[in-house]
Amino acid sequence: MEAEIGSALADQISVSAAPLGVSVSVADGKVTLAGTTSSGSVHKRAEKIALDFARAFRIDNRIVSVPSRGGTF
């Protein structure tokens, strides 16, 4: 299940939105998502993708959204 969810996340979430990716682990009836993103929508999208594969599992979404440092001075 980890590989399936990880593959779906890689296919559906762009590297620019989550440059370090989103990690997935499955243990004791729980799917844990972890990562850092500059896009607030990644948190919800990743959880929805995980739920598509792991409906009977609890999702522990630890994805953190950090604003990008874009812009020039």
Protein backbone atom coordinates (compact mmCIF):
# COMPACT_ATOMS: atom_id res chain seq x y z
CA MET A 1 0.00 0.00 0.00
CA GLU A 2 2.87 2.42 0.76
CA ALA A 3 4.20 2.03 -2.78
CA GLU A 4 0.77 2.52 -4.37
CA ILE A 5 0.05 5.68 -2.40
CA GLY A 6 3.58 7.01 -2.93
CA SER A 7 3.32 6.43 -6.67
CA ALA A 8 -0.08 8.16 -6.86
CA LEU A 9 1.25 11.13 -4.89
CA ALA A 10 4.27 11.41 -7.21
CA ASP A 11 1.98 11.30 -10.26
CA GLN A 12 -0.53 13.85 -8.97
CA ILE A 13 1.49 16.36 -6.94
CA SER A 14 4.05 18.46 -8.76
CA VAL A 15 7.65 18.74 -7.63
CA SER A 16 7.26 22.53 -7.51
CA ALA A 17 4.43 22.19 -4.95
CA ALA A 18 6.34 19.71 -2.77
CA PRO A 19 10.01 19.88 -3.82
CA LEU A 20 11.15 17.32 -1.25
CA GLY A 21 8.19 15.08 -1.97
CA VAL A 22 5.70 13.53 0.41
CA SER A 23 6.67 10.41 2.33
CA VAL A 24 4.21 7.66 3.14
CA SER A 25 4.37 5.04 5.87
CA VAL A 26 1.78 2.46 6.86
CA ALA A 27 1.69 0.80 10.28
CA ASP A 28 -0.90 -0.41 12.77
CA GLY A 29 -3.93 0.60 10.70
CA LYS A 30 -2.61 4.12 10.06
CA VAL A 31 -1.21 5.85 6.99
CA THR A 32 1.18 8.66 7.85
CA LEU A 33 1.90 11.38 5.30
CA ALA A 34 4.85 13.70 5.90
CA GLY A 35 6.53 16.46 3.94
CA THR A 36 6.87 20.17 3.41
CA THR A 37 5.08 22.16 0.73
CA SER A 38 4.76 25.74 -0.41
CA SER A 39 1.18 25.10 -1.57
CA GLY A 40 -1.64 24.91 0.95
CA SER A 41 -3.66 22.66 -1.35
CA VAL A 42 -1.11 19.83 -1.21
CA HIS A 43 -2.10 18.94 2.36
CA LYS A 44 -5.73 18.22 1.40
CA ARG A 45 -4.91 16.69 -2.01
CA ALA A 46 -2.43 14.23 -0.51
CA GLU A 47 -4.94 13.18 2.13
CA LYS A 48 -7.63 12.60 -0.51
CA ILE A 49 -5.23 10.52 -2.61
CA ALA A 50 -4.27 8.41 0.41
CA LEU A 51 -7.94 7.86 1.28
CA ASP A 52 -8.57 6.53 -2.24
CA PHE A 53 -6.20 3.63 -1.44
CA ALA A 54 -6.65 3.25 2.31
CA ARG A 55 -10.30 3.84 3.13
CA ALA A 56 -10.25 1.55 6.18
CA PHE A 57 -7.10 3.16 7.57
CA ARG A 58 -6.75 6.29 9.66
CA ILE A 59 -4.79 9.07 7.92
CA ASP A 60 -2.24 11.00 9.97
CA ASN A 61 -1.44 13.97 7.76
CA ARG A 62 1.78 15.66 8.90
CA ILE A 63 2.36 17.67 5.74
CA VAL A 64 3.44 21.19 6.66
CA SER A 65 2.71 24.18 4.44
CA VAL A 66 5.44 26.81 4.46
CA PRO A 67 5.06 30.02 2.43
CA SER A 68 7.55 30.36 -0.40
CA ARG A 69 10.23 33.02 -0.20
CA GLY A 70 9.59 34.30 -3.70
CA GLY A 71 9.76 37.90 -4.73
CA THR A 72 12.52 40.36 -5.30
CA PHE A 73 13.56 43.30 -3.22
